[in-house]
């Protein structure tokens, strides 16, 4: 075998070993499904594993923080951000169904601010608890989107979540669509997981 063939074979084996090692390490991660199977997968695939947060500690904020800083929330509709209309359900309820067994959803006109502030059709805050979604799913999704939107910040900021600056997601919209893809079919369990990520992001950061 000539030297060029030997080098090519060696490089191919190295690439295989590297991919296998990354896969093995990833499978052993003590993290939950949304993060491990989706967002972290994208981070690993982008080649920005351990450095994606710029060496800093993540800091995320929940729905109540963003509701208190509502001027930062863009006037976008929930469906336009996530590609899905949110669930029509109080935070202490599961998925609700109509008489025809189709899933109850909030109106397509509902904005991110409507969801965060629980606004009714007359735009009165706090009077529409059913826009929160099962286990607060709708509001948690909005919070995660806003964390991604405003998260490209210096370490130590109120929000530090640099996941939508090309490492791996190009922007907050790409991130939001991926998050919806991973969570929308199981809002109750996903809401518990999202709340856990917001409360303890460091548990989901390390690779």
Protein backbone atom coordinates (compact mmCIF):
# COMPACT_ATOMS: atom_id res chain seq x y z
CA UNK A 1 0.00 0.00 0.00
CA UNK A 2 1.44 3.40 -0.92
CA UNK A 3 2.06 6.13 1.63
CA UNK A 4 -0.90 8.30 0.57
CA UNK A 5 -3.28 5.36 1.04
CA UNK A 6 -1.84 4.66 4.50
CA UNK A 7 -2.30 8.31 5.53
CA UNK A 8 -5.84 8.34 4.20
CA UNK A 9 -6.71 5.18 6.14
CA UNK A 10 -5.15 6.57 9.32
CA UNK A 11 -7.07 9.86 9.06
CA UNK A 12 -10.31 7.98 8.43
CA UNK A 13 -9.79 5.87 11.54
CA UNK A 14 -9.04 8.96 13.61
CA UNK A 15 -12.23 10.63 12.46
CA UNK A 16 -14.23 7.50 13.32
CA UNK A 17 -12.66 7.26 16.79
CA UNK A 18 -13.34 10.93 17.43
CA UNK A 19 -16.99 10.63 16.40
CA UNK A 20 -17.40 7.49 18.50
CA UNK A 21 -15.85 9.15 21.54
CA UNK A 22 -18.15 12.16 21.25
CA UNK A 23 -21.15 9.87 20.90
CA UNK A 24 -20.19 7.78 23.91
CA UNK A 25 -19.62 10.84 26.07
CA UNK A 26 -22.91 12.30 24.95
CA UNK A 27 -24.94 9.20 25.78
CA UNK A 28 -23.53 9.19 29.31
CA UNK A 29 -24.61 12.75 30.04
CA UNK A 30 -26.77 13.01 33.17
CA UNK A 31 -29.26 15.34 31.52
CA UNK A 32 -32.87 15.07 30.47
CA UNK A 33 -34.46 14.51 27.10
CA UNK A 34 -35.13 18.00 25.69
CA UNK A 35 -31.60 19.14 26.40
CA UNK A 36 -29.69 15.93 25.74
CA UNK A 37 -31.57 14.74 22.69
CA UNK A 38 -32.09 18.09 21.02
CA UNK A 39 -30.38 21.30 22.04
CA UNK A 40 -27.16 19.71 23.29
CA UNK A 41 -27.11 17.45 20.23
CA UNK A 42 -27.07 20.56 18.07
CA UNK A 43 -24.30 22.09 20.15
CA UNK A 44 -22.16 18.97 19.85
CA UNK A 45 -22.78 18.76 16.12
CA UNK A 46 -21.73 22.39 15.68
CA UNK A 47 -18.31 21.65 17.17
CA UNK A 48 -18.80 24.05 20.08
CA UNK A 49 -19.24 21.49 22.86
CA UNK A 50 -17.60 22.72 26.04
CA UNK A 51 -17.02 26.31 24.88
CA UNK A 52 -20.49 27.26 23.64
CA UNK A 53 -21.24 29.42 26.71
CA UNK A 54 -17.91 31.23 26.37
CA UNK A 55 -16.64 29.59 29.54
CA UNK A 56 -19.28 31.32 31.66
CA UNK A 57 -22.11 30.12 33.86
CA UNK A 58 -25.51 30.20 32.22
CA UNK A 59 -28.22 32.36 33.70
CA UNK A 60 -31.81 32.07 32.54
CA UNK A 61 -34.97 33.85 33.61
CA UNK A 62 -38.48 32.49 33.96
CA UNK A 63 -41.89 33.77 32.81
CA UNK A 64 -42.44 36.09 35.78
CA UNK A 65 -39.17 37.92 35.11
CA UNK A 66 -40.15 38.58 31.51
CA UNK A 67 -43.68 39.57 32.54
CA UNK A 68 -42.08 42.15 34.84
CA UNK A 69 -39.94 43.38 31.94
CA UNK A 70 -42.70 43.33 29.36
CA UNK A 71 -41.24 46.25 27.40
CA UNK A 72 -38.48 43.89 26.25
CA UNK A 73 -40.99 41.45 24.79
CA UNK A 74 -41.49 41.91 21.03
CA UNK A 75 -45.03 42.19 19.67
CA UNK A 76 -44.89 38.80 18.00
CA UNK A 77 -47.57 36.14 17.92
CA UNK A 78 -46.90 32.86 19.68
CA UNK A 79 -47.66 30.91 16.51
CA UNK A 80 -45.25 32.98 14.42
CA UNK A 81 -42.37 32.26 16.79
CA UNK A 82 -42.97 28.57 17.49
CA UNK A 83 -44.89 27.43 14.42
CA UNK A 84 -47.68 26.17 16.67
CA UNK A 85 -50.59 27.79 18.50
CA UNK A 86 -50.27 27.34 22.25
CA UNK A 87 -52.36 25.04 24.38
CA UNK A 88 -55.59 26.28 25.98
CA UNK A 89 -55.13 25.09 29.55
CA UNK A 90 -54.53 26.43 33.02
CA UNK A 91 -51.15 25.80 34.60
CA UNK A 92 -52.65 23.21 36.96
CA UNK A 93 -54.31 21.27 34.14
CA UNK A 94 -53.17 18.85 31.49
CA UNK A 95 -54.08 18.97 27.82
CA UNK A 96 -57.73 19.89 27.33
CA UNK A 97 -59.94 18.58 24.54
CA UNK A 98 -63.01 19.80 22.68
CA UNK A 99 -66.13 17.67 22.30
CA UNK A 100 -64.79 16.38 18.98
CA UNK A 101 -61.61 15.28 20.84
CA UNK A 102 -59.40 17.80 19.10
CA UNK A 103 -56.94 19.61 21.36
CA UNK A 104 -57.99 22.99 22.71
CA UNK A 105 -55.63 25.75 21.58
CA UNK A 106 -55.34 29.46 22.28
CA UNK A 107 -56.26 31.85 19.47
CA UNK A 108 -53.72 32.33 16.71
CA UNK A 109 -53.76 36.09 17.39
CA UNK A 110 -52.27 35.65 20.88
CA UNK A 111 -48.97 37.48 21.28
CA UNK A 112 -46.02 36.59 23.48
CA UNK A 113 -47.04 39.36 25.87
CA UNK A 114 -50.62 38.03 26.00
CA UNK A 115 -49.27 34.67 27.11
CA UNK A 116 -46.85 36.03 29.70
CA UNK A 117 -49.43 38.39 31.22
CA UNK A 118 -52.39 35.98 30.89
CA UNK A 119 -54.39 38.53 28.96
CA UNK A 120 -57.97 37.87 27.93
CA UNK A 121 -59.49 38.92 24.61
CA UNK A 122 -60.01 42.43 25.94
CA UNK A 123 -56.27 42.54 26.74
CA UNK A 124 -56.85 42.68 30.49
CA UNK A 125 -53.84 41.15 32.26
CA UNK A 126 -54.31 38.25 34.66
CA UNK A 127 -57.81 37.35 33.51
CA UNK A 128 -57.01 34.50 31.14
CA UNK A 129 -55.23 31.76 33.12
CA UNK A 130 -56.01 29.28 30.34
CA UNK A 131 -53.38 30.85 28.04
CA UNK A 132 -50.61 29.64 30.40
CA UNK A 133 -50.76 26.13 28.99
CA UNK A 134 -50.42 22.80 30.83
CA UNK A 135 -48.01 23.21 33.76
CA UNK A 136 -47.28 26.74 32.45
CA UNK A 137 -45.88 25.31 29.20
CA UNK A 138 -46.81 28.25 26.94
CA UNK A 139 -45.26 30.79 29.29
CA UNK A 140 -42.11 28.72 29.79
CA UNK A 141 -41.65 28.46 26.03
CA UNK A 142 -41.88 32.23 25.71
CA UNK A 143 -39.35 32.62 28.52
CA UNK A 144 -36.89 30.26 26.83
CA UNK A 145 -37.27 32.10 23.54
CA UNK A 146 -36.56 35.43 25.23
CA UNK A 147 -33.58 33.96 27.07
CA UNK A 148 -32.18 32.95 23.69
CA UNK A 149 -33.04 36.32 22.13
CA UNK A 150 -31.32 38.37 24.82
CA UNK A 151 -28.77 35.81 25.99
CA UNK A 152 -25.71 36.83 23.96
CA UNK A 153 -24.41 38.90 26.86
CA UNK A 154 -21.34 39.20 29.09
CA UNK A 155 -21.00 36.62 31.84
CA UNK A 156 -22.76 37.82 35.01
CA UNK A 157 -25.64 39.54 33.21
CA UNK A 158 -29.25 38.97 34.26
CA UNK A 159 -29.52 36.68 31.25
CA UNK A 160 -26.55 34.75 29.85
CA UNK A 161 -27.61 32.13 27.33
CA UNK A 162 -25.56 32.52 24.13
CA UNK A 163 -27.23 29.72 22.22
CA UNK A 164 -28.58 31.77 19.29
CA UNK A 165 -25.47 33.41 17.90
CA UNK A 166 -24.45 30.73 15.43
CA UNK A 167 -23.35 28.31 18.16
CA UNK A 168 -25.32 26.32 17.17
CA UNK A 169 -28.50 28.24 16.27
CA UNK A 170 -28.29 31.14 13.85
CA UNK A 171 -30.90 33.16 15.70
CA UNK A 172 -33.65 32.94 18.30
CA UNK A 173 -36.24 31.88 15.71
CA UNK A 174 -34.28 28.82 14.68
CA UNK A 175 -33.86 27.97 18.36
CA UNK A 176 -37.58 28.43 19.06
CA UNK A 177 -38.62 26.13 16.22
CA UNK A 178 -36.24 23.43 17.43
CA UNK A 179 -37.51 23.78 20.98
CA UNK A 180 -41.11 23.44 19.80
CA UNK A 181 -40.18 20.39 17.73
CA UNK A 182 -38.72 18.74 20.81
CA UNK A 183 -41.37 19.64 23.37
CA UNK A 184 -44.76 20.37 21.83
CA UNK A 185 -46.09 16.80 21.76
CA UNK A 186 -45.60 16.38 25.52
CA UNK A 187 -46.26 19.76 27.14
CA UNK A 188 -46.71 18.61 30.74
CA UNK A 189 -43.41 16.76 31.07
CA UNK A 190 -41.66 19.31 28.88
CA UNK A 191 -42.84 22.15 31.11
CA UNK A 192 -41.33 20.43 34.15
CA UNK A 193 -38.08 20.03 32.29
CA UNK A 194 -37.99 23.60 30.99
CA UNK A 195 -38.64 24.93 34.49
CA UNK A 196 -35.72 22.81 35.71
CA UNK A 197 -33.42 24.18 33.00
CA UNK A 198 -34.33 27.74 33.94
CA UNK A 199 -33.84 27.11 37.66
CA UNK A 200 -30.58 25.14 37.34
CA UNK A 201 -29.04 25.76 33.92
CA UNK A 202 -25.59 24.61 35.05
CA UNK A 203 -26.96 21.06 35.28
CA UNK A 204 -27.53 21.14 31.53
CA UNK A 205 -24.44 23.08 30.45
CA UNK A 206 -21.43 20.83 30.75
CA UNK A 207 -20.40 18.43 28.01
